[in-house]
Amino acid sequence: MPAKVVPDKRRKLMEQVQDDEPESPLADMMPVHPLMASAWVGSVRYALTRDDVMATFREETGNQWRPGRTPIDAMIDQTTGAALDFIRAFAKWHNENIWGEVDGKPEDITD
């Protein structure tokens, strides 16, 4: 029989789990509200699959980075931070051109 967890303890456990999770390198570029953050991640992932969106991004930013084709290329990209630089540049461009921004932050649910 599972033990009962009272709401206060449940909230504290959830906060502890969230504190233990590493913060996303895109946390400062995504909406704060969990529902909007989830939608934002979906939007970024979908945009990354669209050839027309990627062509526009590359044309407007000049960022031509592409993932390496071999494991050694992937290791080099990870070590140099090329992949992280690319996704941060893409997320910034995505917020400005697809998602929408308010005062330099991605649109979010207002309290």
PDB file of N, CA and C in Angstrom:
ATOM      1  N   MET A   1       0.853  -1.186   0.000  1.00  0.00           N
ATOM      2  CA  MET A   1       0.000   0.000   0.000  1.00  0.00           C
ATOM      3  C   MET A   1       0.892   1.241   0.000  1.00  0.00           C
ATOM      4  N   PRO A   2       0.703   2.121  -0.984  1.00  0.00           N
ATOM      5  CA  PRO A   2       1.545   3.318  -1.051  1.00  0.00           C
ATOM      6  C   PRO A   2       1.255   4.269   0.106  1.00  0.00           C
ATOM      7  N   ALA A   3       2.301   4.934   0.536  1.00  0.00           N
ATOM      8  CA  ALA A   3       2.156   5.912   1.617  1.00  0.00           C
ATOM      9  C   ALA A   3       1.462   7.155   1.081  1.00  0.00           C
ATOM     10  N   LYS A   4       0.659   7.770   1.931  1.00  0.00           N
ATOM     11  CA  LYS A   4       0.002   9.016   1.552  1.00  0.00           C
ATOM     12  C   LYS A   4       0.993  10.166   1.669  1.00  0.00           C
ATOM     13  N   VAL A   5       0.973  11.015   0.695  1.00  0.00           N
ATOM     14  CA  VAL A   5       1.826  12.202   0.729  1.00  0.00           C
ATOM     15  C   VAL A   5       0.909  13.410   0.802  1.00  0.00           C
ATOM     16  N   VAL A   6       1.074  14.171   1.860  1.00  0.00           N
ATOM     17  CA  VAL A   6       0.229  15.356   2.014  1.00  0.00           C
ATOM     18  C   VAL A   6       0.664  16.419   1.019  1.00  0.00           C
ATOM     19  N   PRO A   7      -0.264  17.299   0.614  1.00  0.00           N
ATOM     20  CA  PRO A   7       0.059  18.289  -0.434  1.00  0.00           C
ATOM     21  C   PRO A   7       1.323  19.105  -0.174  1.00  0.00           C
ATOM     22  N   ASP A   8       1.556  19.556   1.066  1.00  0.00           N
ATOM     23  CA  ASP A   8       2.751  20.357   1.346  1.00  0.00           C
ATOM     24  C   ASP A   8       4.024  19.552   1.099  1.00  0.00           C
ATOM     25  N   LYS A   9       4.016  18.305   1.515  1.00  0.00           N
ATOM     26  CA  LYS A   9       5.186  17.459   1.292  1.00  0.00           C
ATOM     27  C   LYS A   9       5.374  17.183  -0.194  1.00  0.00           C
ATOM     28  N   ARG A  10       4.264  16.992  -0.909  1.00  0.00           N
ATOM     29  CA  ARG A  10       4.341  16.743  -2.345  1.00  0.00           C
ATOM     30  C   ARG A  10       4.968  17.939  -3.046  1.00  0.00           C
ATOM     31  N   ARG A  11       4.542  19.141  -2.668  1.00  0.00           N
ATOM     32  CA  ARG A  11       5.094  20.348  -3.280  1.00  0.00           C
ATOM     33  C   ARG A  11       6.583  20.453  -2.980  1.00  0.00           C
ATOM     34  N   LYS A  12       6.986  20.183  -1.742  1.00  0.00           N
ATOM     35  CA  LYS A  12       8.403  20.252  -1.380  1.00  0.00           C
ATOM     36  C   LYS A  12       9.220  19.221  -2.151  1.00  0.00           C
ATOM     37  N   LEU A  13       8.652  18.012  -2.327  1.00  0.00           N
ATOM     38  CA  LEU A  13       9.350  16.988  -3.104  1.00  0.00           C
ATOM     39  C   LEU A  13       9.523  17.416  -4.550  1.00  0.00           C
ATOM     40  N   MET A  14       8.476  17.996  -5.133  1.00  0.00           N
ATOM     41  CA  MET A  14       8.564  18.462  -6.518  1.00  0.00           C
ATOM     42  C   MET A  14       9.593  19.583  -6.662  1.00  0.00           C
ATOM     43  N   GLU A  15       9.617  20.501  -5.698  1.00  0.00           N
ATOM     44  CA  GLU A  15      10.600  21.584  -5.742  1.00  0.00           C
ATOM     45  C   GLU A  15      12.014  21.027  -5.641  1.00  0.00           C
ATOM     46  N   GLN A  16      12.192  20.003  -4.790  1.00  0.00           N
ATOM     47  CA  GLN A  16      13.509  19.399  -4.638  1.00  0.00           C
ATOM     48  C   GLN A  16      13.938  18.725  -5.942  1.00  0.00           C
ATOM     49  N   VAL A  17      13.036  18.010  -6.583  1.00  0.00           N
ATOM     50  CA  VAL A  17      13.347  17.359  -7.851  1.00  0.00           C
ATOM     51  C   VAL A  17      13.704  18.410  -8.894  1.00  0.00           C
ATOM     52  N   GLN A  18      12.939  19.496  -8.948  1.00  0.00           N
ATOM     53  CA  GLN A  18      13.218  20.546  -9.919  1.00  0.00           C
ATOM     54  C   GLN A  18      14.560  21.211  -9.639  1.00  0.00           C
ATOM     55  N   ASP A  19      14.909  21.362  -8.358  1.00  0.00           N
ATOM     56  CA  ASP A  19      16.191  21.958  -8.004  1.00  0.00           C
ATOM     57  C   ASP A  19      17.356  21.060  -8.416  1.00  0.00           C
ATOM     58  N   ASP A  20      17.123  19.734  -8.436  1.00  0.00           N
ATOM     59  CA  ASP A  20      18.179  18.799  -8.783  1.00  0.00           C
ATOM     60  C   ASP A  20      18.413  18.703 -10.284  1.00  0.00           C
ATOM     61  N   GLU A  21      17.427  19.120 -11.083  1.00  0.00           N
ATOM     62  CA  GLU A  21      17.556  19.040 -12.533  1.00  0.00           C
ATOM     63  C   GLU A  21      18.470  20.157 -13.030  1.00  0.00           C
ATOM     64  N   PRO A  22      19.352  19.835 -13.983  1.00  0.00           N
ATOM     65  CA  PRO A  22      20.194  20.907 -14.528  1.00  0.00           C
ATOM     66  C   PRO A  22      19.339  21.884 -15.333  1.00  0.00           C
ATOM     67  N   GLU A  23      19.697  23.137 -15.254  1.00  0.00           N
ATOM     68  CA  GLU A  23      18.945  24.154 -15.986  1.00  0.00           C
ATOM     69  C   GLU A  23      19.304  24.086 -17.465  1.00  0.00           C
ATOM     70  N   SER A  24      18.299  24.284 -18.288  1.00  0.00           N
ATOM     71  CA  SER A  24      18.501  24.262 -19.733  1.00  0.00           C
ATOM     72  C   SER A  24      19.389  25.424 -20.157  1.00  0.00           C
ATOM     73  N   PRO A  25      20.259  25.207 -21.129  1.00  0.00           N
ATOM     74  CA  PRO A  25      21.068  26.323 -21.624  1.00  0.00           C
ATOM     75  C   PRO A  25      20.216  27.367 -22.355  1.00  0.00           C
ATOM     76  N   LEU A  26      18.937  27.044 -22.587  1.00  0.00           N
ATOM     77  CA  LEU A  26      18.025  27.987 -23.240  1.00  0.00           C
ATOM     78  C   LEU A  26      17.015  28.572 -22.259  1.00  0.00           C
ATOM     79  N   ALA A  27      17.188  28.322 -20.971  1.00  0.00           N
ATOM     80  CA  ALA A  27      16.205  28.748 -19.970  1.00  0.00           C
ATOM     81  C   ALA A  27      15.928  30.249 -20.023  1.00  0.00           C
ATOM     82  N   ASP A  28      16.941  31.046 -20.306  1.00  0.00           N
ATOM     83  CA  ASP A  28      16.752  32.494 -20.340  1.00  0.00           C
ATOM     84  C   ASP A  28      16.072  32.964 -21.625  1.00  0.00           C
ATOM     85  N   MET A  29      15.857  32.055 -22.570  1.00  0.00           N
ATOM     86  CA  MET A  29      15.247  32.417 -23.847  1.00  0.00           C
ATOM     87  C   MET A  29      13.836  31.868 -23.999  1.00  0.00           C
ATOM     88  N   MET A  30      13.382  31.073 -23.033  1.00  0.00           N
ATOM     89  CA  MET A  30      12.081  30.448 -23.168  1.00  0.00           C
ATOM     90  C   MET A  30      11.086  31.026 -22.171  1.00  0.00           C
ATOM     91  N   PRO A  31       9.784  30.889 -22.460  1.00  0.00           N
ATOM     92  CA  PRO A  31       8.783  31.389 -21.516  1.00  0.00           C
ATOM     93  C   PRO A  31       8.922  30.704 -20.161  1.00  0.00           C
ATOM     94  N   VAL A  32       8.495  31.390 -19.118  1.00  0.00           N
ATOM     95  CA  VAL A  32       8.599  30.864 -17.764  1.00  0.00           C
ATOM     96  C   VAL A  32       7.448  29.904 -17.449  1.00  0.00           C
ATOM     97  N   HIS A  33       6.245  30.242 -17.897  1.00  0.00           N
ATOM     98  CA  HIS A  33       5.085  29.412 -17.593  1.00  0.00           C
ATOM     99  C   HIS A  33       5.275  28.021 -18.212  1.00  0.00           C
ATOM    100  N   PRO A  34       5.052  26.941 -17.438  1.00  0.00           N
ATOM    101  CA  PRO A  34       5.302  25.578 -17.936  1.00  0.00           C
ATOM    102  C   PRO A  34       4.549  25.234 -19.223  1.00  0.00           C
ATOM    103  N   LEU A  35       3.304  25.654 -19.349  1.00  0.00           N
ATOM    104  CA  LEU A  35       2.555  25.347 -20.571  1.00  0.00           C
ATOM    105  C   LEU A  35       3.133  26.077 -21.779  1.00  0.00           C
ATOM    106  N   MET A  36       3.494  27.331 -21.585  1.00  0.00           N
ATOM    107  CA  MET A  36       4.080  28.091 -22.682  1.00  0.00           C
ATOM    108  C   MET A  36       5.478  27.572 -23.015  1.00  0.00           C
ATOM    109  N   ALA A  37       6.235  27.163 -21.992  1.00  0.00           N
ATOM    110  CA  ALA A  37       7.574  26.626 -22.232  1.00  0.00           C
ATOM    111  C   ALA A  37       7.481  25.350 -23.065  1.00  0.00           C
ATOM    112  N   SER A  38       6.514  24.510 -22.761  1.00  0.00           N
ATOM    113  CA  SER A  38       6.319  23.281 -23.524  1.00  0.00           C
ATOM    114  C   SER A  38       5.958  23.588 -24.979  1.00  0.00           C
ATOM    115  N   ALA A  39       5.063  24.537 -25.173  1.00  0.00           N
ATOM    116  CA  ALA A  39       4.679  24.932 -26.530  1.00  0.00           C
ATOM    117  C   ALA A  39       5.868  25.540 -27.272  1.00  0.00           C
ATOM    118  N   TRP A  40       6.666  26.328 -26.566  1.00  0.00           N
ATOM    119  CA  TRP A  40       7.841  26.960 -27.163  1.00  0.00           C
ATOM    120  C   TRP A  40       8.842  25.905 -27.635  1.00  0.00           C
ATOM    121  N   VAL A  41       9.099  24.906 -26.796  1.00  0.00           N
ATOM    122  CA  VAL A  41      10.029  23.833 -27.169  1.00  0.00           C
ATOM    123  C   VAL A  41       9.520  23.122 -28.420  1.00  0.00           C
ATOM    124  N   GLY A  42       8.207  22.842 -28.455  1.00  0.00           N
ATOM    125  CA  GLY A  42       7.628  22.218 -29.641  1.00  0.00           C
ATOM    126  C   GLY A  42       7.788  23.078 -30.881  1.00  0.00           C
ATOM    127  N   SER A  43       7.604  24.367 -30.721  1.00  0.00           N
ATOM    128  CA  SER A  43       7.741  25.290 -31.842  1.00  0.00           C
ATOM    129  C   SER A  43       9.180  25.318 -32.363  1.00  0.00           C
ATOM    130  N   VAL A  44      10.144  25.360 -31.456  1.00  0.00           N
ATOM    131  CA  VAL A  44      11.559  25.368 -31.861  1.00  0.00           C
ATOM    132  C   VAL A  44      11.907  24.058 -32.566  1.00  0.00           C
ATOM    133  N   ARG A  45      11.481  22.950 -31.978  1.00  0.00           N
ATOM    134  CA  ARG A  45      11.795  21.642 -32.578  1.00  0.00           C
ATOM    135  C   ARG A  45      11.190  21.524 -33.975  1.00  0.00           C
ATOM    136  N   TYR A  46       9.957  21.980 -34.130  1.00  0.00           N
ATOM    137  CA  TYR A  46       9.314  21.914 -35.440  1.00  0.00           C
ATOM    138  C   TYR A  46      10.030  22.828 -36.436  1.00  0.00           C
ATOM    139  N   ALA A  47      10.369  24.026 -36.002  1.00  0.00           N
ATOM    140  CA  ALA A  47      11.048  24.979 -36.892  1.00  0.00           C
ATOM    141  C   ALA A  47      12.384  24.412 -37.377  1.00  0.00           C
ATOM    142  N   LEU A  48      13.073  23.678 -36.510  1.00  0.00           N
ATOM    143  CA  LEU A  48      14.354  23.085 -36.894  1.00  0.00           C
ATOM    144  C   LEU A  48      14.210  22.023 -37.982  1.00  0.00           C
ATOM    145  N   THR A  49      13.015  21.481 -38.152  1.00  0.00           N
ATOM    146  CA  THR A  49      12.806  20.448 -39.180  1.00  0.00           C
ATOM    147  C   THR A  49      12.385  21.029 -40.526  1.00  0.00           C
ATOM    148  N   ARG A  50      12.057  22.300 -40.540  1.00  0.00           N
ATOM    149  CA  ARG A  50      11.547  22.937 -41.768  1.00  0.00           C
ATOM    150  C   ARG A  50      12.696  23.501 -42.592  1.00  0.00           C
ATOM    151  N   ASP A  51      12.845  23.001 -43.809  1.00  0.00           N
ATOM    152  CA  ASP A  51      13.919  23.476 -44.694  1.00  0.00           C
ATOM    153  C   ASP A  51      13.783  24.958 -45.007  1.00  0.00           C
ATOM    154  N   ASP A  52      12.536  25.432 -45.204  1.00  0.00           N
ATOM    155  CA  ASP A  52      12.342  26.843 -45.527  1.00  0.00           C
ATOM    156  C   ASP A  52      12.711  27.746 -44.349  1.00  0.00           C
ATOM    157  N   VAL A  53      12.381  27.314 -43.144  1.00  0.00           N
ATOM    158  CA  VAL A  53      12.720  28.104 -41.952  1.00  0.00           C
ATOM    159  C   VAL A  53      14.235  28.132 -41.772  1.00  0.00           C
ATOM    160  N   MET A  54      14.877  26.973 -41.929  1.00  0.00           N
ATOM    161  CA  MET A  54      16.325  26.912 -41.749  1.00  0.00           C
ATOM    162  C   MET A  54      17.044  27.737 -42.810  1.00  0.00           C
ATOM    163  N   ALA A  55      16.544  27.702 -44.038  1.00  0.00           N
ATOM    164  CA  ALA A  55      17.164  28.502 -45.103  1.00  0.00           C
ATOM    165  C   ALA A  55      17.051  29.992 -44.789  1.00  0.00           C
ATOM    166  N   THR A  56      15.893  30.413 -44.296  1.00  0.00           N
ATOM    167  CA  THR A  56      15.708  31.825 -43.929  1.00  0.00           C
ATOM    168  C   THR A  56      16.615  32.202 -42.776  1.00  0.00           C
ATOM    169  N   PHE A  57      16.689  31.340 -41.758  1.00  0.00           N
ATOM    170  CA  PHE A  57      17.572  31.590 -40.611  1.00  0.00           C
ATOM    171  C   PHE A  57      19.015  31.735 -41.073  1.00  0.00           C
ATOM    172  N   ARG A  58      19.478  30.810 -41.887  1.00  0.00           N
ATOM    173  CA  ARG A  58      20.870  30.839 -42.347  1.00  0.00           C
ATOM    174  C   ARG A  58      21.144  32.082 -43.199  1.00  0.00           C
ATOM    175  N   GLU A  59      20.183  32.460 -44.029  1.00  0.00           N
ATOM    176  CA  GLU A  59      20.347  33.636 -44.882  1.00  0.00           C
ATOM    177  C   GLU A  59      20.399  34.912 -44.043  1.00  0.00           C
ATOM    178  N   GLU A  60      19.504  35.026 -43.076  1.00  0.00           N
ATOM    179  CA  GLU A  60      19.421  36.253 -42.275  1.00  0.00           C
ATOM    180  C   GLU A  60      20.560  36.392 -41.269  1.00  0.00           C
ATOM    181  N   THR A  61      21.039  35.268 -40.729  1.00  0.00           N
ATOM    182  CA  THR A  61      22.057  35.343 -39.675  1.00  0.00           C
ATOM    183  C   THR A  61      23.467  35.037 -40.172  1.00  0.00           C
ATOM    184  N   GLY A  62      23.555  34.367 -41.306  1.00  0.00           N
ATOM    185  CA  GLY A  62      24.873  33.957 -41.794  1.00  0.00           C
ATOM    186  C   GLY A  62      25.419  32.736 -41.075  1.00  0.00           C
ATOM    187  N   ASN A  63      24.643  32.154 -40.163  1.00  0.00           N
ATOM    188  CA  ASN A  63      25.076  30.978 -39.409  1.00  0.00           C
ATOM    189  C   ASN A  63      24.897  29.745 -40.286  1.00  0.00           C
ATOM    190  N   GLN A  64      26.001  29.143 -40.697  1.00  0.00           N
ATOM    191  CA  GLN A  64      25.960  27.996 -41.604  1.00  0.00           C
ATOM    192  C   GLN A  64      26.307  26.683 -40.916  1.00  0.00           C
ATOM    193  N   TRP A  65      26.398  26.677 -39.586  1.00  0.00           N
ATOM    194  CA  TRP A  65      26.783  25.460 -38.868  1.00  0.00           C
ATOM    195  C   TRP A  65      25.787  24.337 -39.148  1.00  0.00           C
ATOM    196  N   ARG A  66      26.318  23.142 -39.313  1.00  0.00           N
ATOM    197  CA  ARG A  66      25.512  21.936 -39.464  1.00  0.00           C
ATOM    198  C   ARG A  66      26.135  20.854 -38.573  1.00  0.00           C
ATOM    199  N   PRO A  67      25.316  19.938 -38.056  1.00  0.00           N
ATOM    200  CA  PRO A  67      25.866  18.875 -37.197  1.00  0.00           C
ATOM    201  C   PRO A  67      26.904  18.046 -37.947  1.00  0.00           C
ATOM    202  N   GLY A  68      27.924  17.616 -37.225  1.00  0.00           N
ATOM    203  CA  GLY A  68      28.943  16.766 -37.822  1.00  0.00           C
ATOM    204  C   GLY A  68      28.362  15.433 -38.263  1.00  0.00           C
ATOM    205  N   ARG A  69      28.984  14.827 -39.235  1.00  0.00           N
ATOM    206  CA  ARG A  69      28.482  13.562 -39.779  1.00  0.00           C
ATOM    207  C   ARG A  69      29.078  12.338 -39.091  1.00  0.00           C
ATOM    208  N   THR A  70      30.138  12.523 -38.359  1.00  0.00           N
ATOM    209  CA  THR A  70      30.792  11.383 -37.705  1.00  0.00           C
ATOM    210  C   THR A  70      30.813  11.609 -36.193  1.00  0.00           C
ATOM    211  N   PRO A  71      31.017  10.546 -35.422  1.00  0.00           N
ATOM    212  CA  PRO A  71      31.107  10.709 -33.966  1.00  0.00           C
ATOM    213  C   PRO A  71      32.216  11.681 -33.547  1.00  0.00           C
ATOM    214  N   ILE A  72      33.341  11.657 -34.244  1.00  0.00           N
ATOM    215  CA  ILE A  72      34.432  12.567 -33.893  1.00  0.00           C
ATOM    216  C   ILE A  72      34.028  14.017 -34.162  1.00  0.00           C
ATOM    217  N   ASP A  73      33.285  14.253 -35.255  1.00  0.00           N
ATOM    218  CA  ASP A  73      32.793  15.605 -35.539  1.00  0.00           C
ATOM    219  C   ASP A  73      31.851  16.072 -34.427  1.00  0.00           C
ATOM    220  N   ALA A  74      30.977  15.173 -33.971  1.00  0.00           N
ATOM    221  CA  ALA A  74      30.047  15.512 -32.889  1.00  0.00           C
ATOM    222  C   ALA A  74      30.807  15.838 -31.607  1.00  0.00           C
ATOM    223  N   MET A  75      31.872  15.081 -31.330  1.00  0.00           N
ATOM    224  CA  MET A  75      32.680  15.342 -30.132  1.00  0.00           C
ATOM    225  C   MET A  75      33.369  16.701 -30.240  1.00  0.00           C
ATOM    226  N   ILE A  76      33.850  17.024 -31.416  1.00  0.00           N
ATOM    227  CA  ILE A  76      34.504  18.326 -31.623  1.00  0.00           C
ATOM    228  C   ILE A  76      33.492  19.458 -31.436  1.00  0.00           C
ATOM    229  N   ASP A  77      32.305  19.285 -32.023  1.00  0.00           N
ATOM    230  CA  ASP A  77      31.257  20.304 -31.879  1.00  0.00           C
ATOM    231  C   ASP A  77      30.886  20.502 -30.415  1.00  0.00           C
ATOM    232  N   GLN A  78      30.780  19.406 -29.675  1.00  0.00           N
ATOM    233  CA  GLN A  78      30.425  19.510 -28.264  1.00  0.00           C
ATOM    234  C   GLN A  78      31.540  20.198 -27.478  1.00  0.00           C
ATOM    235  N   THR A  79      32.769  19.835 -27.757  1.00  0.00           N
ATOM    236  CA  THR A  79      33.907  20.411 -27.046  1.00  0.00           C
ATOM    237  C   THR A  79      34.066  21.900 -27.329  1.00  0.00           C
ATOM    238  N   THR A  80      33.870  22.285 -28.580  1.00  0.00           N
ATOM    239  CA  THR A  80      34.043  23.691 -28.938  1.00  0.00           C
ATOM    240  C   THR A  80      32.816  24.540 -28.617  1.00  0.00           C
ATOM    241  N   GLY A  81      31.696  23.872 -28.355  1.00  0.00           N
ATOM    242  CA  GLY A  81      30.469  24.609 -28.057  1.00  0.00           C
ATOM    243  C   GLY A  81      29.726  25.070 -29.302  1.00  0.00           C
ATOM    244  N   ALA A  82      30.103  24.538 -30.466  1.00  0.00           N
ATOM    245  CA  ALA A  82      29.483  24.970 -31.721  1.00  0.00           C
ATOM    246  C   ALA A  82      27.989  24.674 -31.749  1.00  0.00           C
ATOM    247  N   ALA A  83      27.600  23.497 -31.284  1.00  0.00           N
ATOM    248  CA  ALA A  83      26.179  23.119 -31.295  1.00  0.00           C
ATOM    249  C   ALA A  83      25.382  24.023 -30.362  1.00  0.00           C
ATOM    250  N   LEU A  84      25.926  24.306 -29.184  1.00  0.00           N
ATOM    251  CA  LEU A  84      25.244  25.183 -28.228  1.00  0.00           C
ATOM    252  C   LEU A  84      25.136  26.605 -28.775  1.00  0.00           C
ATOM    253  N   ASP A  85      26.200  27.087 -29.387  1.00  0.00           N
ATOM    254  CA  ASP A  85      26.160  28.424 -30.001  1.00  0.00           C
ATOM    255  C   ASP A  85      25.089  28.495 -31.079  1.00  0.00           C
ATOM    256  N   PHE A  86      24.999  27.423 -31.889  1.00  0.00           N
ATOM    257  CA  PHE A  86      24.001  27.388 -32.944  1.00  0.00           C
ATOM    258  C   PHE A  86      22.587  27.418 -32.364  1.00  0.00           C
ATOM    259  N   ILE A  87      22.300  26.553 -31.395  1.00  0.00           N
ATOM    260  CA  ILE A  87      20.923  26.473 -30.891  1.00  0.00           C
ATOM    261  C   ILE A  87      20.543  27.751 -30.149  1.00  0.00           C
ATOM    262  N   ARG A  88      21.488  28.394 -29.490  1.00  0.00           N
ATOM    263  CA  ARG A  88      21.175  29.671 -28.836  1.00  0.00           C
ATOM    264  C   ARG A  88      20.899  30.758 -29.883  1.00  0.00           C
ATOM    265  N   ALA A  89      21.673  30.768 -30.957  1.00  0.00           N
ATOM    266  CA  ALA A  89      21.428  31.744 -32.032  1.00  0.00           C
ATOM    267  C   ALA A  89      20.078  31.470 -32.691  1.00  0.00           C
ATOM    268  N   PHE A  90      19.766  30.186 -32.896  1.00  0.00           N
ATOM    269  CA  PHE A  90      18.494  29.845 -33.518  1.00  0.00           C
ATOM    270  C   PHE A  90      17.333  30.211 -32.594  1.00  0.00           C
ATOM    271  N   ALA A  91      17.464  29.931 -31.304  1.00  0.00           N
ATOM    272  CA  ALA A  91      16.390  30.260 -30.352  1.00  0.00           C
ATOM    273  C   ALA A  91      16.137  31.767 -30.312  1.00  0.00           C
ATOM    274  N   LYS A  92      17.201  32.555 -30.330  1.00  0.00           N
ATOM    275  CA  LYS A  92      17.043  34.010 -30.344  1.00  0.00           C
ATOM    276  C   LYS A  92      16.319  34.449 -31.612  1.00  0.00           C
ATOM    277  N   TRP A  93      16.735  33.924 -32.757  1.00  0.00           N
ATOM    278  CA  TRP A  93      16.097  34.258 -34.029  1.00  0.00           C
ATOM    279  C   TRP A  93      14.645  33.785 -34.031  1.00  0.00           C
ATOM    280  N   HIS A  94      14.396  32.603 -33.508  1.00  0.00           N
ATOM    281  CA  HIS A  94      13.040  32.043 -33.419  1.00  0.00           C
ATOM    282  C   HIS A  94      12.135  32.976 -32.611  1.00  0.00           C
ATOM    283  N   ASN A  95      12.635  33.458 -31.478  1.00  0.00           N
ATOM    284  CA  ASN A  95      11.827  34.363 -30.650  1.00  0.00           C
ATOM    285  C   ASN A  95      11.507  35.660 -31.388  1.00  0.00           C
ATOM    286  N   GLU A  96      12.463  36.164 -32.111  1.00  0.00           N
ATOM    287  CA  GLU A  96      12.269  37.436 -32.816  1.00  0.00           C
ATOM    288  C   GLU A  96      11.371  37.295 -34.043  1.00  0.00           C
ATOM    289  N   ASN A  97      11.426  36.152 -34.723  1.00  0.00           N
ATOM    290  CA  ASN A  97      10.768  36.014 -36.018  1.00  0.00           C
ATOM    291  C   ASN A  97       9.579  35.064 -36.056  1.00  0.00           C
ATOM    292  N   ILE A  98       9.481  34.144 -35.124  1.00  0.00           N
ATOM    293  CA  ILE A  98       8.397  33.162 -35.150  1.00  0.00           C
ATOM    294  C   ILE A  98       7.527  33.270 -33.909  1.00  0.00           C
ATOM    295  N   TRP A  99       8.128  33.165 -32.747  1.00  0.00           N
ATOM    296  CA  TRP A  99       7.364  33.120 -31.501  1.00  0.00           C
ATOM    297  C   TRP A  99       6.802  34.473 -31.118  1.00  0.00           C
ATOM    298  N   GLY A 100       7.627  35.481 -31.164  1.00  0.00           N
ATOM    299  CA  GLY A 100       7.233  36.822 -30.745  1.00  0.00           C
ATOM    300  C   GLY A 100       7.853  37.183 -29.415  1.00  0.00           C
ATOM    301  N   GLU A 101       8.194  38.428 -29.262  1.00  0.00           N
ATOM    302  CA  GLU A 101       8.835  38.911 -28.041  1.00  0.00           C
ATOM    303  C   GLU A 101       8.096  40.110 -27.487  1.00  0.00           C
ATOM    304  N   VAL A 102       8.229  40.272 -26.183  1.00  0.00           N
ATOM    305  CA  VAL A 102       7.750  41.456 -25.490  1.00  0.00           C
ATOM    306  C   VAL A 102       8.914  41.937 -24.625  1.00  0.00           C
ATOM    307  N   ASP A 103       9.405  43.130 -24.892  1.00  0.00           N
ATOM    308  CA  ASP A 103      10.540  43.694 -24.160  1.00  0.00           C
ATOM    309  C   ASP A 103      11.759  42.767 -24.169  1.00  0.00           C
ATOM    310  N   GLY A 104      12.037  42.144 -25.310  1.00  0.00           N
ATOM    311  CA  GLY A 104      13.207  41.298 -25.439  1.00  0.00           C
ATOM    312  C   GLY A 104      13.084  39.919 -24.835  1.00  0.00           C
ATOM    313  N   LYS A 105      11.935  39.566 -24.293  1.00  0.00           N
ATOM    314  CA  LYS A 105      11.695  38.238 -23.712  1.00  0.00           C
ATOM    315  C   LYS A 105      10.617  37.545 -24.530  1.00  0.00           C
ATOM    316  N   PRO A 106      10.644  36.204 -24.570  1.00  0.00           N
ATOM    317  CA  PRO A 106       9.608  35.504 -25.343  1.00  0.00           C
ATOM    318  C   PRO A 106       8.223  35.732 -24.748  1.00  0.00           C
ATOM    319  N   GLU A 107       7.224  35.829 -25.619  1.00  0.00           N
ATOM    320  CA  GLU A 107       5.863  36.022 -25.124  1.00  0.00           C
ATOM    321  C   GLU A 107       5.491  34.895 -24.182  1.00  0.00           C
ATOM    322  N   ASP A 108       4.783  35.223 -23.132  1.00  0.00           N
ATOM    323  CA  ASP A 108       4.443  34.279 -22.084  1.00  0.00           C
ATOM    324  C   ASP A 108       3.031  34.556 -21.594  1.00  0.00           C
ATOM    325  N   ILE A 109       2.526  33.717 -20.744  1.00  0.00           N
ATOM    326  CA  ILE A 109       1.232  33.956 -20.106  1.00  0.00           C
ATOM    327  C   ILE A 109       1.452  34.978 -19.001  1.00  0.00           C
ATOM    328  N   THR A 110       0.615  35.995 -18.989  1.00  0.00           N
ATOM    329  CA  THR A 110       0.743  36.999 -17.933  1.00  0.00           C
ATOM    330  C   THR A 110      -0.086  36.573 -16.737  1.00  0.00           C
ATOM    331  N   ASP A 111       0.407  36.895 -15.566  1.00  0.00           N
ATOM    332  CA  ASP A 111      -0.306  36.504 -14.333  1.00  0.00           C
ATOM    333  C   ASP A 111      -1.537  37.335 -14.108  1.00  0.00           C
TER     334      ASP A 111
END
